[in-house]
Amino acid sequence: MQFKNPLFLLFFIPLVLAILLVMSNREKRIFNLKFPFTFIPSKTSAKARFFEIVPFYIRVIIASLLILALARPQKILRETIPPTEGIDIMLLMDTSTSMLALDFEPKNRLDAAKEAAAEFVSKRPYDRIGITVFGGIAVISCPLTLDKETLLEYLSYLYPGMTMSEGTAIGDAIATAVNHLKEGKAKSKIIILLTDGRSNAGIIGDPAAAAKIAKEFGIKIYTIGEAKKGRAKVPTGDPFNPYVYIEDDLNEPALMEIAKITGGKYYRATNILELQEIYKEIDSLEKTKFDQIKRAEYSDLYEYLLIPAFLLLAILIIIEKSIFLTVP
């Protein structure tokens, strides 16, 4: 809070002096009064003291409120203006049924990926972020948006097998994301591709070809291989045969090539902590650089002082004309 006209606060000096003067001469004033009748208030009369003190202090409070109102108190509202152009980011999330694997226990692969991605999204308030999901086909789940609440809601809805198609169409996923990103006006555009398998479906059979298209549009791709080495168990929902086991099918050379072509980087996550650290590193590598512009807005508060001052004044007039009525 600040005062727009702080010089008016100097009026408190004569107000305080007046209070001290009145208090020092209180008894002298009372006993020098000329009453037209023989009653003179006693020094010890509580009623007389009450009748004298209450109106006096109400006037002091009214004067104080008016001085503060004249000083014009203001509430300061500060706002950081975001950059006009942030980074456009597309999250490519593998939702093939193999993402049910429990090698990230107690979570399956997709739930672990969603948790790490949500933490990443929450740290990027000024960037447009979207989601593309893929299994045997690729579909944009959420277009690029600044509405992080909606984005996180879409992210929470992802589940293994949601594309209703078998396989892992990495090439198609990259092409779909590039087609959406290329229309954006952001100076920097990136794709974060997360998968647990190799490309074995889709129209674009070679993901490297899709990566070259991304490079033509200045889009960088970070690739994340999410799987432990060796076998992983996948729940079946069958109480008699609750789990089946799948072998590690991650094609690391292909993911490395995709990242290399576009100037990105390849990571492998074998547990939740590694996955979280990968997103943190990408977050640090792809920071939006801009000068923060702070805009200050002011909200006047003087009405909150004037209203009680006028109410007290009205109360004072009423009680002096009734309860504290003085007889001439």
C-alpha atoms as a PDB file:
ATOM      1  CA  MET A   1       0.000   0.000   0.000  1.00  0.00           C
ATOM      2  CA  GLN A   2       1.079   3.568  -0.622  1.00  0.00           C
ATOM      3  CA  PHE A   3      -0.256   7.108  -0.107  1.00  0.00           C
ATOM      4  CA  LYS A   4      -0.816   9.191  -3.237  1.00  0.00           C
ATOM      5  CA  ASN A   5      -0.784  12.469  -1.266  1.00  0.00           C
ATOM      6  CA  PRO A   6       1.401  11.728   1.785  1.00  0.00           C
ATOM      7  CA  LEU A   7       1.822  15.427   2.707  1.00  0.00           C
ATOM      8  CA  PHE A   8      -1.708  15.424   4.103  1.00  0.00           C
ATOM      9  CA  LEU A   9      -0.430  13.098   6.849  1.00  0.00           C
ATOM     10  CA  LEU A  10       1.254  16.174   8.345  1.00  0.00           C
ATOM     11  CA  PHE A  11      -2.189  17.218   9.582  1.00  0.00           C
ATOM     12  CA  PHE A  12      -1.742  14.588  12.283  1.00  0.00           C
ATOM     13  CA  ILE A  13       0.776  16.925  13.968  1.00  0.00           C
ATOM     14  CA  PRO A  14      -1.744  19.696  14.802  1.00  0.00           C
ATOM     15  CA  LEU A  15      -4.307  16.993  15.619  1.00  0.00           C
ATOM     16  CA  VAL A  16      -2.014  15.388  18.189  1.00  0.00           C
ATOM     17  CA  LEU A  17      -1.123  18.814  19.623  1.00  0.00           C
ATOM     18  CA  ALA A  18      -4.801  19.660  19.921  1.00  0.00           C
ATOM     19  CA  ILE A  19      -5.477  16.367  21.731  1.00  0.00           C
ATOM     20  CA  LEU A  20      -2.646  17.019  24.178  1.00  0.00           C
ATOM     21  CA  LEU A  21      -3.851  20.577  24.772  1.00  0.00           C
ATOM     22  CA  VAL A  22      -7.421  19.462  25.409  1.00  0.00           C
ATOM     23  CA  MET A  23      -6.346  16.662  27.736  1.00  0.00           C
ATOM     24  CA  SER A  24      -4.050  18.917  29.757  1.00  0.00           C
ATOM     25  CA  ASN A  25      -6.810  21.519  30.281  1.00  0.00           C
ATOM     26  CA  ARG A  26      -9.693  19.072  30.736  1.00  0.00           C
ATOM     27  CA  GLU A  27     -10.359  19.669  34.449  1.00  0.00           C
ATOM     28  CA  LYS A  28      -9.839  23.407  34.163  1.00  0.00           C
ATOM     29  CA  ARG A  29     -12.397  23.599  31.370  1.00  0.00           C
ATOM     30  CA  ILE A  30     -15.004  21.571  33.268  1.00  0.00           C
ATOM     31  CA  PHE A  31     -14.836  23.515  36.522  1.00  0.00           C
ATOM     32  CA  ASN A  32     -14.733  26.937  34.894  1.00  0.00           C
ATOM     33  CA  LEU A  33     -18.026  26.331  33.138  1.00  0.00           C
ATOM     34  CA  LYS A  34     -20.812  28.757  34.125  1.00  0.00           C
ATOM     35  CA  PHE A  35     -23.983  26.753  34.631  1.00  0.00           C
ATOM     36  CA  PRO A  36     -27.323  28.600  35.012  1.00  0.00           C
ATOM     37  CA  PHE A  37     -28.157  26.287  37.886  1.00  0.00           C
ATOM     38  CA  THR A  38     -26.355  25.083  40.954  1.00  0.00           C
ATOM     39  CA  PHE A  39     -25.326  21.623  39.683  1.00  0.00           C
ATOM     40  CA  ILE A  40     -21.601  21.330  38.969  1.00  0.00           C
ATOM     41  CA  PRO A  41     -20.194  17.992  37.825  1.00  0.00           C
ATOM     42  CA  SER A  42     -18.007  16.285  40.381  1.00  0.00           C
ATOM     43  CA  LYS A  43     -14.438  15.299  39.617  1.00  0.00           C
ATOM     44  CA  THR A  44     -15.337  11.723  40.384  1.00  0.00           C
ATOM     45  CA  SER A  45     -18.558  11.655  38.378  1.00  0.00           C
ATOM     46  CA  ALA A  46     -18.186   8.776  35.917  1.00  0.00           C
ATOM     47  CA  LYS A  47     -21.208   9.999  34.004  1.00  0.00           C
ATOM     48  CA  ALA A  48     -19.691  13.450  33.515  1.00  0.00           C
ATOM     49  CA  ARG A  49     -16.395  11.951  32.340  1.00  0.00           C
ATOM     50  CA  PHE A  50     -18.233   9.634  29.964  1.00  0.00           C
ATOM     51  CA  PHE A  51     -20.329  12.464  28.517  1.00  0.00           C
ATOM     52  CA  GLU A  52     -17.187  14.495  27.917  1.00  0.00           C
ATOM     53  CA  ILE A  53     -14.784  11.800  26.640  1.00  0.00           C
ATOM     54  CA  VAL A  54     -16.948   9.845  24.165  1.00  0.00           C
ATOM     55  CA  PRO A  55     -17.896  12.775  21.840  1.00  0.00           C
ATOM     56  CA  PHE A  56     -14.347  14.071  22.013  1.00  0.00           C
ATOM     57  CA  TYR A  57     -12.758  10.804  20.920  1.00  0.00           C
ATOM     58  CA  ILE A  58     -15.365  10.243  18.234  1.00  0.00           C
ATOM     59  CA  ARG A  59     -14.305  13.609  16.794  1.00  0.00           C
ATOM     60  CA  VAL A  60     -10.640  12.530  16.998  1.00  0.00           C
ATOM     61  CA  ILE A  61     -11.416   9.311  15.104  1.00  0.00           C
ATOM     62  CA  ILE A  62     -13.414  11.209  12.459  1.00  0.00           C
ATOM     63  CA  ALA A  63     -10.549  13.709  11.981  1.00  0.00           C
ATOM     64  CA  SER A  64      -8.023  10.867  11.701  1.00  0.00           C
ATOM     65  CA  LEU A  65     -10.094   9.053   9.089  1.00  0.00           C
ATOM     66  CA  LEU A  66     -10.501  12.240   7.065  1.00  0.00           C
ATOM     67  CA  ILE A  67      -6.756  12.939   7.146  1.00  0.00           C
ATOM     68  CA  LEU A  68      -5.994   9.403   5.971  1.00  0.00           C
ATOM     69  CA  ALA A  69      -8.601   9.726   3.214  1.00  0.00           C
ATOM     70  CA  LEU A  70      -7.028  13.010   2.051  1.00  0.00           C
ATOM     71  CA  ALA A  71      -3.647  11.235   1.908  1.00  0.00           C
ATOM     72  CA  ARG A  72      -5.355   8.862  -0.571  1.00  0.00           C
ATOM     73  CA  PRO A  73      -4.188   5.358   0.334  1.00  0.00           C
ATOM     74  CA  GLN A  74      -3.813   3.024  -2.638  1.00  0.00           C
ATOM     75  CA  LYS A  75      -3.394  -0.720  -3.016  1.00  0.00           C
ATOM     76  CA  ILE A  76      -0.654  -1.601  -5.480  1.00  0.00           C
ATOM     77  CA  LEU A  77      -1.453  -4.376  -7.956  1.00  0.00           C
ATOM     78  CA  ARG A  78       1.636  -5.568  -9.814  1.00  0.00           C
ATOM     79  CA  GLU A  79       1.533  -7.740 -12.899  1.00  0.00           C
ATOM     80  CA  THR A  80       4.320  -9.372 -14.881  1.00  0.00           C
ATOM     81  CA  ILE A  81       3.601  -9.101 -18.576  1.00  0.00           C
ATOM     82  CA  PRO A  82       4.444 -12.367 -20.372  1.00  0.00           C
ATOM     83  CA  PRO A  83       6.497 -12.447 -23.566  1.00  0.00           C
ATOM     84  CA  THR A  84       4.685 -11.913 -26.828  1.00  0.00           C
ATOM     85  CA  GLU A  85       6.385 -15.010 -28.248  1.00  0.00           C
ATOM     86  CA  GLY A  86       7.287 -18.019 -26.103  1.00  0.00           C
ATOM     87  CA  ILE A  87       8.186 -21.539 -27.204  1.00  0.00           C
ATOM     88  CA  ASP A  88       5.753 -23.883 -28.942  1.00  0.00           C
ATOM     89  CA  ILE A  89       6.097 -27.367 -27.481  1.00  0.00           C
ATOM     90  CA  MET A  90       4.374 -30.545 -28.602  1.00  0.00           C
ATOM     91  CA  LEU A  91       4.413 -33.541 -26.278  1.00  0.00           C
ATOM     92  CA  LEU A  92       4.325 -36.829 -28.224  1.00  0.00           C
ATOM     93  CA  MET A  93       3.012 -39.504 -25.853  1.00  0.00           C
ATOM     94  CA  ASP A  94       3.125 -43.181 -26.757  1.00  0.00           C
ATOM     95  CA  THR A  95      -0.188 -44.739 -25.680  1.00  0.00           C
ATOM     96  CA  SER A  96       0.350 -48.217 -27.114  1.00  0.00           C
ATOM     97  CA  THR A  97      -0.727 -51.102 -24.864  1.00  0.00           C
ATOM     98  CA  SER A  98       2.892 -51.852 -23.946  1.00  0.00           C
ATOM     99  CA  MET A  99       2.793 -48.635 -21.871  1.00  0.00           C
ATOM    100  CA  LEU A 100       0.868 -50.712 -19.315  1.00  0.00           C
ATOM    101  CA  ALA A 101       4.163 -52.362 -18.351  1.00  0.00           C
ATOM    102  CA  LEU A 102       4.893 -52.070 -14.632  1.00  0.00           C
ATOM    103  CA  ASP A 103       8.667 -51.605 -14.755  1.00  0.00           C
ATOM    104  CA  PHE A 104       8.089 -48.153 -13.204  1.00  0.00           C
ATOM    105  CA  GLU A 105       6.298 -49.640 -10.193  1.00  0.00           C
ATOM    106  CA  PRO A 106       4.067 -48.736  -8.505  1.00  0.00           C
ATOM    107  CA  LYS A 107       3.062 -46.867 -11.694  1.00  0.00           C
ATOM    108  CA  ASN A 108       2.905 -48.179 -15.216  1.00  0.00           C
ATOM    109  CA  ARG A 109       4.971 -46.522 -17.926  1.00  0.00           C
ATOM    110  CA  LEU A 110       2.253 -44.156 -19.123  1.00  0.00           C
ATOM    111  CA  ASP A 111       1.237 -42.993 -15.630  1.00  0.00           C
ATOM    112  CA  ALA A 112       4.890 -42.250 -14.821  1.00  0.00           C
ATOM    113  CA  ALA A 113       5.226 -40.327 -18.101  1.00  0.00           C
ATOM    114  CA  LYS A 114       2.044 -38.321 -17.405  1.00  0.00           C
ATOM    115  CA  GLU A 115       3.256 -37.358 -13.929  1.00  0.00           C
ATOM    116  CA  ALA A 116       6.648 -36.150 -15.185  1.00  0.00           C
ATOM    117  CA  ALA A 117       5.079 -34.315 -18.140  1.00  0.00           C
ATOM    118  CA  ALA A 118       2.556 -32.577 -15.847  1.00  0.00           C
ATOM    119  CA  GLU A 119       5.388 -31.275 -13.669  1.00  0.00           C
ATOM    120  CA  PHE A 120       7.151 -30.008 -16.807  1.00  0.00           C
ATOM    121  CA  VAL A 121       4.005 -28.260 -18.056  1.00  0.00           C
ATOM    122  CA  SER A 122       3.437 -26.495 -14.719  1.00  0.00           C
ATOM    123  CA  LYS A 123       6.853 -24.825 -15.038  1.00  0.00           C
ATOM    124  CA  ARG A 124       6.128 -23.341 -18.493  1.00  0.00           C
ATOM    125  CA  PRO A 125       3.430 -20.672 -17.948  1.00  0.00           C
ATOM    126  CA  TYR A 126       4.349 -18.583 -21.004  1.00  0.00           C
ATOM    127  CA  ASP A 127       4.758 -21.341 -23.615  1.00  0.00           C
ATOM    128  CA  ARG A 128       2.093 -22.890 -25.791  1.00  0.00           C
ATOM    129  CA  ILE A 129       2.046 -26.642 -25.266  1.00  0.00           C
ATOM    130  CA  GLY A 130       0.031 -29.357 -27.000  1.00  0.00           C
ATOM    131  CA  ILE A 131      -0.296 -33.149 -26.858  1.00  0.00           C
ATOM    132  CA  THR A 132      -0.163 -35.679 -29.673  1.00  0.00           C
ATOM    133  CA  VAL A 133      -0.886 -39.305 -28.776  1.00  0.00           C
ATOM    134  CA  PHE A 134       0.057 -42.276 -30.874  1.00  0.00           C
ATOM    135  CA  GLY A 135      -0.240 -46.012 -31.051  1.00  0.00           C
ATOM    136  CA  GLY A 136      -0.789 -47.506 -34.486  1.00  0.00           C
ATOM    137  CA  ILE A 137      -2.003 -44.057 -35.563  1.00  0.00           C
ATOM    138  CA  ALA A 138      -1.230 -40.517 -34.378  1.00  0.00           C
ATOM    139  CA  VAL A 139      -3.877 -38.093 -33.149  1.00  0.00           C
ATOM    140  CA  ILE A 140      -3.678 -34.585 -31.695  1.00  0.00           C
ATOM    141  CA  SER A 141      -5.217 -34.892 -28.227  1.00  0.00           C
ATOM    142  CA  CYS A 142      -4.817 -31.221 -27.305  1.00  0.00           C
ATOM    143  CA  PRO A 143      -3.762 -28.467 -29.729  1.00  0.00           C
ATOM    144  CA  LEU A 144      -1.196 -25.877 -28.709  1.00  0.00           C
ATOM    145  CA  THR A 145      -2.557 -23.791 -25.876  1.00  0.00           C
ATOM    146  CA  LEU A 146      -1.600 -21.432 -23.068  1.00  0.00           C
ATOM    147  CA  ASP A 147      -4.431 -22.814 -20.941  1.00  0.00           C
ATOM    148  CA  LYS A 148      -2.393 -25.088 -18.694  1.00  0.00           C
ATOM    149  CA  GLU A 149      -5.393 -26.162 -16.634  1.00  0.00           C
ATOM    150  CA  THR A 150      -7.113 -27.581 -19.703  1.00  0.00           C
ATOM    151  CA  LEU A 151      -3.859 -29.092 -20.965  1.00  0.00           C
ATOM    152  CA  LEU A 152      -3.268 -30.907 -17.676  1.00  0.00           C
ATOM    153  CA  GLU A 153      -6.840 -32.183 -17.786  1.00  0.00           C
ATOM    154  CA  TYR A 154      -6.266 -33.648 -21.254  1.00  0.00           C
ATOM    155  CA  LEU A 155      -2.996 -35.143 -20.037  1.00  0.00           C
ATOM    156  CA  SER A 156      -4.732 -36.852 -17.141  1.00  0.00           C
ATOM    157  CA  TYR A 157      -7.202 -38.519 -19.543  1.00  0.00           C
ATOM    158  CA  LEU A 158      -4.515 -40.406 -21.485  1.00  0.00           C
ATOM    159  CA  TYR A 159      -4.598 -44.194 -21.159  1.00  0.00           C
ATOM    160  CA  PRO A 160      -2.875 -47.123 -22.899  1.00  0.00           C
ATOM    161  CA  GLY A 161      -4.655 -48.254 -26.056  1.00  0.00           C
ATOM    162  CA  MET A 162      -6.671 -45.044 -26.426  1.00  0.00           C
ATOM    163  CA  THR A 163      -6.015 -44.832 -30.205  1.00  0.00           C
ATOM    164  CA  MET A 164      -7.684 -48.243 -30.624  1.00  0.00           C
ATOM    165  CA  SER A 165      -4.904 -49.330 -32.960  1.00  0.00           C
ATOM    166  CA  GLU A 166      -2.028 -51.752 -32.550  1.00  0.00           C
ATOM    167  CA  GLY A 167       1.586 -50.779 -33.091  1.00  0.00           C
ATOM    168  CA  THR A 168       3.820 -47.733 -32.627  1.00  0.00           C
ATOM    169  CA  ALA A 169       3.671 -45.129 -35.394  1.00  0.00           C
ATOM    170  CA  ILE A 170       6.575 -42.861 -34.428  1.00  0.00           C
ATOM    171  CA  GLY A 171       7.023 -41.433 -37.937  1.00  0.00           C
ATOM    172  CA  ASP A 172       3.350 -40.506 -38.219  1.00  0.00           C
ATOM    173  CA  ALA A 173       3.426 -38.952 -34.727  1.00  0.00           C
ATOM    174  CA  ILE A 174       6.336 -36.689 -35.672  1.00  0.00           C
ATOM    175  CA  ALA A 175       4.684 -35.694 -38.958  1.00  0.00           C
ATOM    176  CA  THR A 176       1.393 -34.909 -37.216  1.00  0.00           C
ATOM    177  CA  ALA A 177       3.146 -32.744 -34.640  1.00  0.00           C
ATOM    178  CA  VAL A 178       5.209 -30.951 -37.287  1.00  0.00           C
ATOM    179  CA  ASN A 179       2.103 -30.205 -39.332  1.00  0.00           C
ATOM    180  CA  HIS A 180       0.567 -28.510 -36.284  1.00  0.00           C
ATOM    181  CA  LEU A 181       3.708 -26.726 -35.088  1.00  0.00           C
ATOM    182  CA  LYS A 182       4.713 -25.276 -38.458  1.00  0.00           C
ATOM    183  CA  GLU A 183       1.729 -22.899 -38.441  1.00  0.00           C
ATOM    184  CA  GLY A 184       2.794 -21.283 -35.175  1.00  0.00           C
ATOM    185  CA  LYS A 185       4.547 -17.905 -34.965  1.00  0.00           C
ATOM    186  CA  ALA A 186       6.890 -18.833 -32.113  1.00  0.00           C
ATOM    187  CA  LYS A 187      10.572 -18.366 -32.867  1.00  0.00           C
ATOM    188  CA  SER A 188      11.425 -21.648 -31.144  1.00  0.00           C
ATOM    189  CA  LYS A 189       9.529 -24.919 -31.626  1.00  0.00           C
ATOM    190  CA  ILE A 190      10.293 -28.271 -30.039  1.00  0.00           C
ATOM    191  CA  ILE A 191       8.896 -31.781 -29.855  1.00  0.00           C
ATOM    192  CA  ILE A 192       9.364 -34.070 -26.853  1.00  0.00           C
ATOM    193  CA  LEU A 193       8.850 -37.626 -28.085  1.00  0.00           C
ATOM    194  CA  LEU A 194       8.340 -40.316 -25.439  1.00  0.00           C
ATOM    195  CA  THR A 195       8.017 -43.970 -26.384  1.00  0.00           C
ATOM    196  CA  ASP A 196       8.800 -47.444 -25.086  1.00  0.00           C
ATOM    197  CA  GLY A 197       9.084 -49.206 -28.441  1.00  0.00           C
ATOM    198  CA  ARG A 198      10.182 -49.129 -32.049  1.00  0.00           C
ATOM    199  CA  SER A 199       8.348 -47.704 -35.033  1.00  0.00           C
ATOM    200  CA  ASN A 200       6.379 -50.549 -36.631  1.00  0.00           C
ATOM    201  CA  ALA A 201       3.193 -48.939 -37.927  1.00  0.00           C
ATOM    202  CA  GLY A 202       1.884 -45.911 -39.776  1.00  0.00           C
ATOM    203  CA  ILE A 203       2.239 -44.386 -43.207  1.00  0.00           C
ATOM    204  CA  ILE A 204       5.742 -43.000 -42.590  1.00  0.00           C
ATOM    205  CA  GLY A 205       7.743 -46.115 -41.899  1.00  0.00           C
ATOM    206  CA  ASP A 206      11.053 -44.339 -41.341  1.00  0.00           C
ATOM    207  CA  PRO A 207      10.948 -41.881 -38.404  1.00  0.00           C
ATOM    208  CA  ALA A 208      14.207 -40.333 -39.615  1.00  0.00           C
ATOM    209  CA  ALA A 209      12.387 -39.090 -42.734  1.00  0.00           C
ATOM    210  CA  ALA A 210       9.837 -37.343 -40.513  1.00  0.00           C
ATOM    211  CA  ALA A 211      12.696 -35.893 -38.451  1.00  0.00           C
ATOM    212  CA  LYS A 212      14.188 -34.369 -41.603  1.00  0.00           C
ATOM    213  CA  ILE A 213      10.859 -32.664 -42.299  1.00  0.00           C
ATOM    214  CA  ALA A 214      10.905 -31.304 -38.743  1.00  0.00           C
ATOM    215  CA  LYS A 215      14.392 -29.933 -39.324  1.00  0.00           C
ATOM    216  CA  GLU A 216      13.219 -28.098 -42.444  1.00  0.00           C
ATOM    217  CA  PHE A 217      10.751 -26.189 -40.280  1.00  0.00           C
ATOM    218  CA  GLY A 218      13.334 -25.468 -37.584  1.00  0.00           C
ATOM    219  CA  ILE A 219      11.742 -27.880 -35.098  1.00  0.00           C
ATOM    220  CA  LYS A 220      14.002 -29.571 -32.566  1.00  0.00           C
ATOM    221  CA  ILE A 221      13.124 -33.030 -31.242  1.00  0.00           C
ATOM    222  CA  TYR A 222      14.068 -34.431 -27.846  1.00  0.00           C
ATOM    223  CA  THR A 223      13.526 -38.188 -27.657  1.00  0.00           C
ATOM    224  CA  ILE A 224      12.933 -40.197 -24.486  1.00  0.00           C
ATOM    225  CA  GLY A 225      13.090 -43.976 -24.352  1.00  0.00           C
ATOM    226  CA  GLU A 226      11.026 -45.088 -21.383  1.00  0.00           C
ATOM    227  CA  ALA A 227      11.693 -48.715 -20.466  1.00  0.00           C
ATOM    228  CA  LYS A 228      13.914 -50.786 -18.250  1.00  0.00           C
ATOM    229  CA  LYS A 229      16.273 -53.171 -19.943  1.00  0.00           C
ATOM    230  CA  GLY A 230      15.107 -56.769 -19.994  1.00  0.00           C
ATOM    231  CA  ARG A 231      11.644 -58.165 -19.430  1.00  0.00           C
ATOM    232  CA  ALA A 232       8.708 -56.215 -18.005  1.00  0.00           C
ATOM    233  CA  LYS A 233       5.386 -57.504 -16.729  1.00  0.00           C
ATOM    234  CA  VAL A 234       2.097 -56.265 -18.134  1.00  0.00           C
ATOM    235  CA  PRO A 235      -1.200 -56.791 -16.251  1.00  0.00           C
ATOM    236  CA  THR A 236      -3.827 -58.747 -18.183  1.00  0.00           C
ATOM    237  CA  GLY A 237      -6.888 -58.292 -15.987  1.00  0.00           C
ATOM    238  CA  ASP A 238      -7.243 -62.091 -15.892  1.00  0.00           C
ATOM    239  CA  PRO A 239      -7.241 -63.366 -12.270  1.00  0.00           C
ATOM    240  CA  PHE A 240      -5.947 -66.778 -13.422  1.00  0.00           C
ATOM    241  CA  ASN A 241      -3.127 -65.267 -15.470  1.00  0.00           C
ATOM    242  CA  PRO A 242      -2.614 -61.749 -14.028  1.00  0.00           C
ATOM    243  CA  TYR A 243       0.585 -60.871 -15.900  1.00  0.00           C
ATOM    244  CA  VAL A 244       2.322 -61.462 -19.189  1.00  0.00           C
ATOM    245  CA  TYR A 245       5.934 -60.540 -19.815  1.00  0.00           C
ATOM    246  CA  ILE A 246       7.287 -58.521 -22.726  1.00  0.00           C
ATOM    247  CA  GLU A 247      10.869 -57.995 -23.817  1.00  0.00           C
ATOM    248  CA  ASP A 248      12.542 -54.609 -24.057  1.00  0.00           C
ATOM    249  CA  ASP A 249      11.772 -53.438 -27.603  1.00  0.00           C
ATOM    250  CA  LEU A 250      13.227 -49.933 -27.487  1.00  0.00           C
ATOM    251  CA  ASN A 251      15.019 -48.884 -30.669  1.00  0.00           C
ATOM    252  CA  GLU A 252      17.636 -46.563 -29.185  1.00  0.00           C
ATOM    253  CA  PRO A 253      19.653 -46.008 -32.405  1.00  0.00           C
ATOM    254  CA  ALA A 254      16.535 -44.734 -34.189  1.00  0.00           C
ATOM    255  CA  LEU A 255      15.659 -42.370 -31.340  1.00  0.00           C
ATOM    256  CA  MET A 256      19.252 -41.117 -31.234  1.00  0.00           C
ATOM    257  CA  GLU A 257      19.158 -40.449 -34.977  1.00  0.00           C
ATOM    258  CA  ILE A 258      15.887 -38.514 -34.737  1.00  0.00           C
ATOM    259  CA  ALA A 259      17.341 -36.276 -32.034  1.00  0.00           C
ATOM    260  CA  LYS A 260      20.648 -35.820 -33.878  1.00  0.00           C
ATOM    261  CA  ILE A 261      18.995 -34.830 -37.166  1.00  0.00           C
ATOM    262  CA  THR A 262      17.037 -32.007 -35.510  1.00  0.00           C
ATOM    263  CA  GLY A 263      19.713 -30.832 -33.061  1.00  0.00           C
ATOM    264  CA  GLY A 264      17.958 -32.350 -30.046  1.00  0.00           C
ATOM    265  CA  LYS A 265      19.067 -34.961 -27.562  1.00  0.00           C
ATOM    266  CA  TYR A 266      18.212 -38.567 -26.692  1.00  0.00           C
ATOM    267  CA  TYR A 267      17.532 -39.772 -23.142  1.00  0.00           C
ATOM    268  CA  ARG A 268      16.717 -43.116 -21.602  1.00  0.00           C
ATOM    269  CA  ALA A 269      14.644 -43.406 -18.457  1.00  0.00           C
ATOM    270  CA  THR A 270      14.633 -46.646 -16.484  1.00  0.00           C
ATOM    271  CA  ASN A 271      12.852 -45.328 -13.378  1.00  0.00           C
ATOM    272  CA  ILE A 272      10.598 -42.473 -12.308  1.00  0.00           C
ATOM    273  CA  LEU A 273      13.395 -40.334 -10.883  1.00  0.00           C
ATOM    274  CA  GLU A 274      15.383 -40.529 -14.118  1.00  0.00           C
ATOM    275  CA  LEU A 275      12.295 -39.574 -16.082  1.00  0.00           C
ATOM    276  CA  GLN A 276      11.676 -36.545 -13.876  1.00  0.00           C
ATOM    277  CA  GLU A 277      15.309 -35.459 -14.203  1.00  0.00           C
ATOM    278  CA  ILE A 278      15.094 -35.735 -18.001  1.00  0.00           C
ATOM    279  CA  TYR A 279      12.137 -33.351 -18.129  1.00  0.00           C
ATOM    280  CA  LYS A 280      13.954 -30.999 -15.753  1.00  0.00           C
ATOM    281  CA  GLU A 281      16.987 -30.967 -18.042  1.00  0.00           C
ATOM    282  CA  ILE A 282      14.865 -30.278 -21.124  1.00  0.00           C
ATOM    283  CA  ASP A 283      13.133 -27.513 -19.175  1.00  0.00           C
ATOM    284  CA  SER A 284      16.514 -25.907 -18.393  1.00  0.00           C
ATOM    285  CA  LEU A 285      17.743 -26.275 -21.996  1.00  0.00           C
ATOM    286  CA  GLU A 286      14.639 -24.709 -23.530  1.00  0.00           C
ATOM    287  CA  LYS A 287      13.973 -21.661 -21.396  1.00  0.00           C
ATOM    288  CA  THR A 288      12.008 -18.728 -22.769  1.00  0.00           C
ATOM    289  CA  LYS A 289      14.330 -15.724 -22.635  1.00  0.00           C
ATOM    290  CA  PHE A 290      12.654 -12.371 -22.168  1.00  0.00           C
ATOM    291  CA  ASP A 291      12.872  -9.244 -20.093  1.00  0.00           C
ATOM    292  CA  GLN A 292      10.175  -9.161 -17.469  1.00  0.00           C
ATOM    293  CA  ILE A 293       8.022  -6.066 -17.743  1.00  0.00           C
ATOM    294  CA  LYS A 294       6.184  -5.178 -14.573  1.00  0.00           C
ATOM    295  CA  ARG A 295       3.057  -3.101 -14.772  1.00  0.00           C
ATOM    296  CA  ALA A 296       1.662  -1.531 -11.626  1.00  0.00           C
ATOM    297  CA  GLU A 297      -2.008  -0.738 -11.203  1.00  0.00           C
ATOM    298  CA  TYR A 298      -3.392   1.198  -8.262  1.00  0.00           C
ATOM    299  CA  SER A 299      -6.698   0.757  -6.488  1.00  0.00           C
ATOM    300  CA  ASP A 300      -7.894   3.677  -4.325  1.00  0.00           C
ATOM    301  CA  LEU A 301      -8.890   2.806  -0.746  1.00  0.00           C
ATOM    302  CA  TYR A 302     -10.005   6.237   0.521  1.00  0.00           C
ATOM    303  CA  GLU A 303     -13.687   5.317   0.293  1.00  0.00           C
ATOM    304  CA  TYR A 304     -13.108   2.724   3.017  1.00  0.00           C
ATOM    305  CA  LEU A 305     -12.113   5.622   5.278  1.00  0.00           C
ATOM    306  CA  LEU A 306     -14.706   8.181   4.206  1.00  0.00           C
ATOM    307  CA  ILE A 307     -17.681   5.874   4.725  1.00  0.00           C
ATOM    308  CA  PRO A 308     -16.944   5.094   8.415  1.00  0.00           C
ATOM    309  CA  ALA A 309     -16.007   8.764   8.994  1.00  0.00           C
ATOM    310  CA  PHE A 310     -19.420   9.963   7.759  1.00  0.00           C
ATOM    311  CA  LEU A 311     -21.190   7.186   9.673  1.00  0.00           C
ATOM    312  CA  LEU A 312     -19.436   8.233  12.875  1.00  0.00           C
ATOM    313  CA  LEU A 313     -20.307  11.869  12.186  1.00  0.00           C
ATOM    314  CA  ALA A 314     -23.971  10.958  11.775  1.00  0.00           C
ATOM    315  CA  ILE A 315     -23.885   8.895  14.987  1.00  0.00           C
ATOM    316  CA  LEU A 316     -22.228  11.789  16.846  1.00  0.00           C
ATOM    317  CA  ILE A 317     -24.896  14.266  15.730  1.00  0.00           C
ATOM    318  CA  ILE A 318     -27.670  11.877  16.761  1.00  0.00           C
ATOM    319  CA  ILE A 319     -26.313  11.083  20.230  1.00  0.00           C
ATOM    320  CA  GLU A 320     -25.475  14.740  20.954  1.00  0.00           C
ATOM    321  CA  LYS A 321     -29.045  15.677  20.098  1.00  0.00           C
ATOM    322  CA  SER A 322     -30.459  12.878  22.227  1.00  0.00           C
ATOM    323  CA  ILE A 323     -28.376  10.929  24.766  1.00  0.00           C
ATOM    324  CA  PHE A 324     -25.727  13.639  25.252  1.00  0.00           C
ATOM    325  CA  LEU A 325     -28.159  16.538  24.903  1.00  0.00           C
ATOM    326  CA  THR A 326     -26.657  19.662  26.449  1.00  0.00           C
ATOM    327  CA  VAL A 327     -28.865  22.139  28.279  1.00  0.00           C
ATOM    328  CA  PRO A 328     -28.002  25.801  27.587  1.00  0.00           C
END
